[in-house]
Amino acid sequence: MNFKYEIIIYWSNEDNAFIAEVPELPGCMADGASYKEALGNAEVIIREWIETAQETGKPVPQPKGKLMYA
């Protein structure tokens, strides 16, 4: 799959990890010890989020690209 959702990655002192959030998919986030690992984990969780939504009949938002508030 080629995902086009915006992913915001930042360092969290509280979690001692990089956090990757996908604002267009509610609750979709991942973490990792490195920036690259967080990004890779986000790609996995996006796929799982979409698969779960499809299996349960929930709508999957279309990617909008860069969001204005980010």
PDB file of N, CA and C in Angstrom:
ATOM      1  N   MET A   1       0.836  -1.191   0.000  1.00  0.00           N
ATOM      2  CA  MET A   1       0.000   0.000   0.000  1.00  0.00           C
ATOM      3  C   MET A   1       0.877   1.248   0.000  1.00  0.00           C
ATOM      4  N   ASN A   2       0.426   2.246  -0.690  1.00  0.00           N
ATOM      5  CA  ASN A   2       1.117   3.529  -0.714  1.00  0.00           C
ATOM      6  C   ASN A   2       0.278   4.531   0.067  1.00  0.00           C
ATOM      7  N   PHE A   3       0.696   4.823   1.293  1.00  0.00           N
ATOM      8  CA  PHE A   3      -0.071   5.712   2.163  1.00  0.00           C
ATOM      9  C   PHE A   3       0.275   7.162   1.888  1.00  0.00           C
ATOM     10  N   LYS A   4      -0.736   8.017   1.904  1.00  0.00           N
ATOM     11  CA  LYS A   4      -0.515   9.434   1.674  1.00  0.00           C
ATOM     12  C   LYS A   4      -1.047  10.262   2.829  1.00  0.00           C
ATOM     13  N   TYR A   5      -1.161   9.642   3.993  1.00  0.00           N
ATOM     14  CA  TYR A   5      -1.617  10.357   5.175  1.00  0.00           C
ATOM     15  C   TYR A   5      -0.459  11.119   5.808  1.00  0.00           C
ATOM     16  N   GLU A   6      -0.770  12.272   6.338  1.00  0.00           N
ATOM     17  CA  GLU A   6       0.238  13.046   7.052  1.00  0.00           C
ATOM     18  C   GLU A   6       0.633  12.301   8.333  1.00  0.00           C
ATOM     19  N   ILE A   7       1.922  12.242   8.604  1.00  0.00           N
ATOM     20  CA  ILE A   7       2.440  11.632   9.832  1.00  0.00           C
ATOM     21  C   ILE A   7       3.267  12.689  10.549  1.00  0.00           C
ATOM     22  N   ILE A   8       2.929  12.946  11.799  1.00  0.00           N
ATOM     23  CA  ILE A   8       3.678  13.911  12.607  1.00  0.00           C
ATOM     24  C   ILE A   8       4.536  13.110  13.580  1.00  0.00           C
ATOM     25  N   ILE A   9       5.848  13.345  13.550  1.00  0.00           N
ATOM     26  CA  ILE A   9       6.774  12.615  14.416  1.00  0.00           C
ATOM     27  C   ILE A   9       7.466  13.599  15.349  1.00  0.00           C
ATOM     28  N   TYR A  10       7.467  13.266  16.632  1.00  0.00           N
ATOM     29  CA  TYR A  10       8.122  14.125  17.626  1.00  0.00           C
ATOM     30  C   TYR A  10       8.703  13.258  18.741  1.00  0.00           C
ATOM     31  N   TRP A  11       9.648  13.829  19.474  1.00  0.00           N
ATOM     32  CA  TRP A  11      10.269  13.131  20.592  1.00  0.00           C
ATOM     33  C   TRP A  11       9.434  13.346  21.847  1.00  0.00           C
ATOM     34  N   SER A  12       9.205  12.300  22.608  1.00  0.00           N
ATOM     35  CA  SER A  12       8.476  12.373  23.866  1.00  0.00           C
ATOM     36  C   SER A  12       9.412  12.000  25.011  1.00  0.00           C
ATOM     37  N   ASN A  13       9.723  12.982  25.866  1.00  0.00           N
ATOM     38  CA  ASN A  13      10.548  12.707  27.045  1.00  0.00           C
ATOM     39  C   ASN A  13       9.826  11.746  27.989  1.00  0.00           C
ATOM     40  N   GLU A  14       8.509  11.896  28.084  1.00  0.00           N
ATOM     41  CA  GLU A  14       7.711  11.051  28.977  1.00  0.00           C
ATOM     42  C   GLU A  14       7.807   9.579  28.578  1.00  0.00           C
ATOM     43  N   ASP A  15       7.756   9.318  27.272  1.00  0.00           N
ATOM     44  CA  ASP A  15       7.812   7.941  26.773  1.00  0.00           C
ATOM     45  C   ASP A  15       9.226   7.493  26.427  1.00  0.00           C
ATOM     46  N   ASN A  16      10.160   8.457  26.396  1.00  0.00           N
ATOM     47  CA  ASN A  16      11.543   8.181  26.005  1.00  0.00           C
ATOM     48  C   ASN A  16      11.579   7.494  24.638  1.00  0.00           C
ATOM     49  N   ALA A  17      10.783   8.048  23.710  1.00  0.00           N
ATOM     50  CA  ALA A  17      10.671   7.463  22.368  1.00  0.00           C
ATOM     51  C   ALA A  17      10.165   8.520  21.398  1.00  0.00           C
ATOM     52  N   PHE A  18      10.349   8.246  20.115  1.00  0.00           N
ATOM     53  CA  PHE A  18       9.733   9.072  19.081  1.00  0.00           C
ATOM     54  C   PHE A  18       8.283   8.615  18.936  1.00  0.00           C
ATOM     55  N   ILE A  19       7.371   9.560  18.825  1.00  0.00           N
ATOM     56  CA  ILE A  19       5.945   9.270  18.657  1.00  0.00           C
ATOM     57  C   ILE A  19       5.554   9.696  17.248  1.00  0.00           C
ATOM     58  N   ALA A  20       4.820   8.836  16.555  1.00  0.00           N
ATOM     59  CA  ALA A  20       4.319   9.130  15.212  1.00  0.00           C
ATOM     60  C   ALA A  20       2.795   9.130  15.264  1.00  0.00           C
ATOM     61  N   GLU A  21       2.198  10.288  14.996  1.00  0.00           N
ATOM     62  CA  GLU A  21       0.742  10.415  15.008  1.00  0.00           C
ATOM     63  C   GLU A  21       0.227  10.606  13.588  1.00  0.00           C
ATOM     64  N   VAL A  22      -0.939  10.043  13.317  1.00  0.00           N
ATOM     65  CA  VAL A  22      -1.606  10.177  12.024  1.00  0.00           C
ATOM     66  C   VAL A  22      -2.930  10.902  12.300  1.00  0.00           C
ATOM     67  N   PRO A  23      -2.939  12.245  12.213  1.00  0.00           N
ATOM     68  CA  PRO A  23      -4.106  13.026  12.631  1.00  0.00           C
ATOM     69  C   PRO A  23      -5.406  12.681  11.903  1.00  0.00           C
ATOM     70  N   GLU A  24      -5.333  12.252  10.661  1.00  0.00           N
ATOM     71  CA  GLU A  24      -6.543  11.972   9.891  1.00  0.00           C
ATOM     72  C   GLU A  24      -7.201  10.650  10.269  1.00  0.00           C
ATOM     73  N   LEU A  25      -6.495   9.798  11.000  1.00  0.00           N
ATOM     74  CA  LEU A  25      -7.034   8.509  11.430  1.00  0.00           C
ATOM     75  C   LEU A  25      -7.089   8.514  12.954  1.00  0.00           C
ATOM     76  N   PRO A  26      -8.256   8.777  13.529  1.00  0.00           N
ATOM     77  CA  PRO A  26      -8.377   8.924  14.986  1.00  0.00           C
ATOM     78  C   PRO A  26      -7.771   7.766  15.768  1.00  0.00           C
ATOM     79  N   GLY A  27      -6.905   8.123  16.722  1.00  0.00           N
ATOM     80  CA  GLY A  27      -6.271   7.128  17.572  1.00  0.00           C
ATOM     81  C   GLY A  27      -5.116   6.380  16.932  1.00  0.00           C
ATOM     82  N   CYS A  28      -4.763   6.733  15.716  1.00  0.00           N
ATOM     83  CA  CYS A  28      -3.702   6.036  14.993  1.00  0.00           C
ATOM     84  C   CYS A  28      -2.356   6.666  15.333  1.00  0.00           C
ATOM     85  N   MET A  29      -1.570   5.941  16.109  1.00  0.00           N
ATOM     86  CA  MET A  29      -0.242   6.424  16.464  1.00  0.00           C
ATOM     87  C   MET A  29       0.664   5.245  16.772  1.00  0.00           C
ATOM     88  N   ALA A  30       1.964   5.499  16.679  1.00  0.00           N
ATOM     89  CA  ALA A  30       2.968   4.464  16.927  1.00  0.00           C
ATOM     90  C   ALA A  30       4.166   5.130  17.586  1.00  0.00           C
ATOM     91  N   ASP A  31       5.108   4.320  18.026  1.00  0.00           N
ATOM     92  CA  ASP A  31       6.328   4.881  18.601  1.00  0.00           C
ATOM     93  C   ASP A  31       7.526   4.083  18.124  1.00  0.00           C
ATOM     94  N   GLY A  32       8.703   4.551  18.492  1.00  0.00           N
ATOM     95  CA  GLY A  32       9.927   3.859  18.120  1.00  0.00           C
ATOM     96  C   GLY A  32      11.118   4.483  18.817  1.00  0.00           C
ATOM     97  N   ALA A  33      12.184   3.715  18.934  1.00  0.00           N
ATOM     98  CA  ALA A  33      13.408   4.205  19.577  1.00  0.00           C
ATOM     99  C   ALA A  33      14.126   5.227  18.708  1.00  0.00           C
ATOM    100  N   SER A  34      13.883   5.173  17.391  1.00  0.00           N
ATOM    101  CA  SER A  34      14.480   6.135  16.471  1.00  0.00           C
ATOM    102  C   SER A  34      13.378   6.728  15.597  1.00  0.00           C
ATOM    103  N   TYR A  35      13.715   7.815  14.931  1.00  0.00           N
ATOM    104  CA  TYR A  35      12.780   8.467  14.009  1.00  0.00           C
ATOM    105  C   TYR A  35      12.342   7.471  12.931  1.00  0.00           C
ATOM    106  N   LYS A  36      13.325   6.764  12.374  1.00  0.00           N
ATOM    107  CA  LYS A  36      13.058   5.804  11.301  1.00  0.00           C
ATOM    108  C   LYS A  36      12.164   4.661  11.785  1.00  0.00           C
ATOM    109  N   GLU A  37      12.427   4.174  12.983  1.00  0.00           N
ATOM    110  CA  GLU A  37      11.611   3.086  13.537  1.00  0.00           C
ATOM    111  C   GLU A  37      10.172   3.559  13.773  1.00  0.00           C
ATOM    112  N   ALA A  38      10.004   4.767  14.294  1.00  0.00           N
ATOM    113  CA  ALA A  38       8.658   5.305  14.517  1.00  0.00           C
ATOM    114  C   ALA A  38       7.896   5.429  13.199  1.00  0.00           C
ATOM    115  N   LEU A  39       8.588   5.879  12.156  1.00  0.00           N
ATOM    116  CA  LEU A  39       7.963   6.005  10.845  1.00  0.00           C
ATOM    117  C   LEU A  39       7.548   4.631  10.316  1.00  0.00           C
ATOM    118  N   GLY A  40       8.427   3.664  10.412  1.00  0.00           N
ATOM    119  CA  GLY A  40       8.108   2.302   9.966  1.00  0.00           C
ATOM    120  C   GLY A  40       6.933   1.713  10.737  1.00  0.00           C
ATOM    121  N   ASN A  41       6.913   1.929  12.049  1.00  0.00           N
ATOM    122  CA  ASN A  41       5.818   1.432  12.870  1.00  0.00           C
ATOM    123  C   ASN A  41       4.508   2.142  12.517  1.00  0.00           C
ATOM    124  N   ALA A  42       4.591   3.422  12.167  1.00  0.00           N
ATOM    125  CA  ALA A  42       3.399   4.167  11.765  1.00  0.00           C
ATOM    126  C   ALA A  42       2.815   3.578  10.481  1.00  0.00           C
ATOM    127  N   GLU A  43       3.665   3.203   9.549  1.00  0.00           N
ATOM    128  CA  GLU A  43       3.182   2.600   8.300  1.00  0.00           C
ATOM    129  C   GLU A  43       2.440   1.297   8.583  1.00  0.00           C
ATOM    130  N   VAL A  44       2.936   0.508   9.524  1.00  0.00           N
ATOM    131  CA  VAL A  44       2.277  -0.751   9.901  1.00  0.00           C
ATOM    132  C   VAL A  44       0.920  -0.453  10.532  1.00  0.00           C
ATOM    133  N   ILE A  45       0.892   0.498  11.452  1.00  0.00           N
ATOM    134  CA  ILE A  45      -0.342   0.776  12.178  1.00  0.00           C
ATOM    135  C   ILE A  45      -1.387   1.440  11.277  1.00  0.00           C
ATOM    136  N   ILE A  46      -0.960   2.214  10.276  1.00  0.00           N
ATOM    137  CA  ILE A  46      -1.909   2.778   9.307  1.00  0.00           C
ATOM    138  C   ILE A  46      -2.606   1.640   8.562  1.00  0.00           C
ATOM    139  N   ARG A  47      -1.829   0.684   8.098  1.00  0.00           N
ATOM    140  CA  ARG A  47      -2.395  -0.467   7.375  1.00  0.00           C
ATOM    141  C   ARG A  47      -3.380  -1.214   8.275  1.00  0.00           C
ATOM    142  N   GLU A  48      -3.002  -1.448   9.526  1.00  0.00           N
ATOM    143  CA  GLU A  48      -3.871  -2.163  10.456  1.00  0.00           C
ATOM    144  C   GLU A  48      -5.127  -1.351  10.764  1.00  0.00           C
ATOM    145  N   TRP A  49      -4.990  -0.028  10.897  1.00  0.00           N
ATOM    146  CA  TRP A  49      -6.133   0.835  11.174  1.00  0.00           C
ATOM    147  C   TRP A  49      -7.138   0.731  10.030  1.00  0.00           C
ATOM    148  N   ILE A  50      -6.646   0.823   8.800  1.00  0.00           N
ATOM    149  CA  ILE A  50      -7.511   0.760   7.616  1.00  0.00           C
ATOM    150  C   ILE A  50      -8.173  -0.616   7.508  1.00  0.00           C
ATOM    151  N   GLU A  51      -7.414  -1.687   7.716  1.00  0.00           N
ATOM    152  CA  GLU A  51      -7.968  -3.043   7.640  1.00  0.00           C
ATOM    153  C   GLU A  51      -9.073  -3.239   8.680  1.00  0.00           C
ATOM    154  N   THR A  52      -8.839  -2.756   9.896  1.00  0.00           N
ATOM    155  CA  THR A  52      -9.838  -2.886  10.958  1.00  0.00           C
ATOM    156  C   THR A  52     -11.097  -2.093  10.620  1.00  0.00           C
ATOM    157  N   ALA A  53     -10.931  -0.872  10.118  1.00  0.00           N
ATOM    158  CA  ALA A  53     -12.089  -0.057   9.737  1.00  0.00           C
ATOM    159  C   ALA A  53     -12.900  -0.755   8.649  1.00  0.00           C
ATOM    160  N   GLN A  54     -12.226  -1.307   7.666  1.00  0.00           N
ATOM    161  CA  GLN A  54     -12.924  -1.995   6.575  1.00  0.00           C
ATOM    162  C   GLN A  54     -13.656  -3.231   7.084  1.00  0.00           C
ATOM    163  N   GLU A  55     -13.024  -3.987   7.978  1.00  0.00           N
ATOM    164  CA  GLU A  55     -13.637  -5.199   8.524  1.00  0.00           C
ATOM    165  C   GLU A  55     -14.872  -4.890   9.363  1.00  0.00           C
ATOM    166  N   THR A  56     -14.887  -3.734  10.016  1.00  0.00           N
ATOM    167  CA  THR A  56     -16.005  -3.370  10.894  1.00  0.00           C
ATOM    168  C   THR A  56     -17.000  -2.443  10.204  1.00  0.00           C
ATOM    169  N   GLY A  57     -16.758  -2.137   8.939  1.00  0.00           N
ATOM    170  CA  GLY A  57     -17.693  -1.310   8.186  1.00  0.00           C
ATOM    171  C   GLY A  57     -17.620   0.176   8.476  1.00  0.00           C
ATOM    172  N   LYS A  58     -16.528   0.613   9.089  1.00  0.00           N
ATOM    173  CA  LYS A  58     -16.360   2.037   9.382  1.00  0.00           C
ATOM    174  C   LYS A  58     -15.706   2.736   8.192  1.00  0.00           C
ATOM    175  N   PRO A  59     -16.037   4.016   7.979  1.00  0.00           N
ATOM    176  CA  PRO A  59     -15.455   4.731   6.844  1.00  0.00           C
ATOM    177  C   PRO A  59     -13.954   4.976   7.028  1.00  0.00           C
ATOM    178  N   VAL A  60     -13.238   4.939   5.926  1.00  0.00           N
ATOM    179  CA  VAL A  60     -11.805   5.241   5.922  1.00  0.00           C
ATOM    180  C   VAL A  60     -11.643   6.607   5.267  1.00  0.00           C
ATOM    181  N   PRO A  61     -11.169   7.612   6.023  1.00  0.00           N
ATOM    182  CA  PRO A  61     -11.008   8.957   5.451  1.00  0.00           C
ATOM    183  C   PRO A  61     -10.016   8.965   4.294  1.00  0.00           C
ATOM    184  N   GLN A  62     -10.293   9.768   3.301  1.00  0.00           N
ATOM    185  CA  GLN A  62      -9.353   9.961   2.198  1.00  0.00           C
ATOM    186  C   GLN A  62      -8.232  10.877   2.680  1.00  0.00           C
ATOM    187  N   PRO A  63      -6.992  10.591   2.315  1.00  0.00           N
ATOM    188  CA  PRO A  63      -5.871  11.459   2.739  1.00  0.00           C
ATOM    189  C   PRO A  63      -6.049  12.862   2.149  1.00  0.00           C
ATOM    190  N   LYS A  64      -5.786  13.846   2.989  1.00  0.00           N
ATOM    191  CA  LYS A  64      -5.908  15.243   2.546  1.00  0.00           C
ATOM    192  C   LYS A  64      -4.558  15.893   2.296  1.00  0.00           C
ATOM    193  N   GLY A  65      -3.475  15.192   2.630  1.00  0.00           N
ATOM    194  CA  GLY A  65      -2.157  15.806   2.489  1.00  0.00           C
ATOM    195  C   GLY A  65      -1.851  16.680   3.691  1.00  0.00           C
ATOM    196  N   LYS A  66      -1.052  17.683   3.497  1.00  0.00           N
ATOM    197  CA  LYS A  66      -0.616  18.547   4.597  1.00  0.00           C
ATOM    198  C   LYS A  66      -1.812  19.260   5.226  1.00  0.00           C
ATOM    199  N   LEU A  67      -1.910  19.137   6.530  1.00  0.00           N
ATOM    200  CA  LEU A  67      -2.975  19.803   7.261  1.00  0.00           C
ATOM    201  C   LEU A  67      -2.521  21.190   7.691  1.00  0.00           C
ATOM    202  N   MET A  68      -3.449  22.100   7.778  1.00  0.00           N
ATOM    203  CA  MET A  68      -3.105  23.503   8.057  1.00  0.00           C
ATOM    204  C   MET A  68      -2.598  23.735   9.475  1.00  0.00           C
ATOM    205  N   TYR A  69      -3.051  22.939  10.448  1.00  0.00           N
ATOM    206  CA  TYR A  69      -2.668  23.188  11.834  1.00  0.00           C
ATOM    207  C   TYR A  69      -1.353  22.537  12.216  1.00  0.00           C
ATOM    208  N   ALA A  70      -0.778  21.747  11.357  1.00  0.00           N
ATOM    209  CA  ALA A  70       0.453  21.021  11.706  1.00  0.00           C
ATOM    210  C   ALA A  70       1.659  21.922  11.572  1.00  0.00           C
TER     211      ALA A  70
END
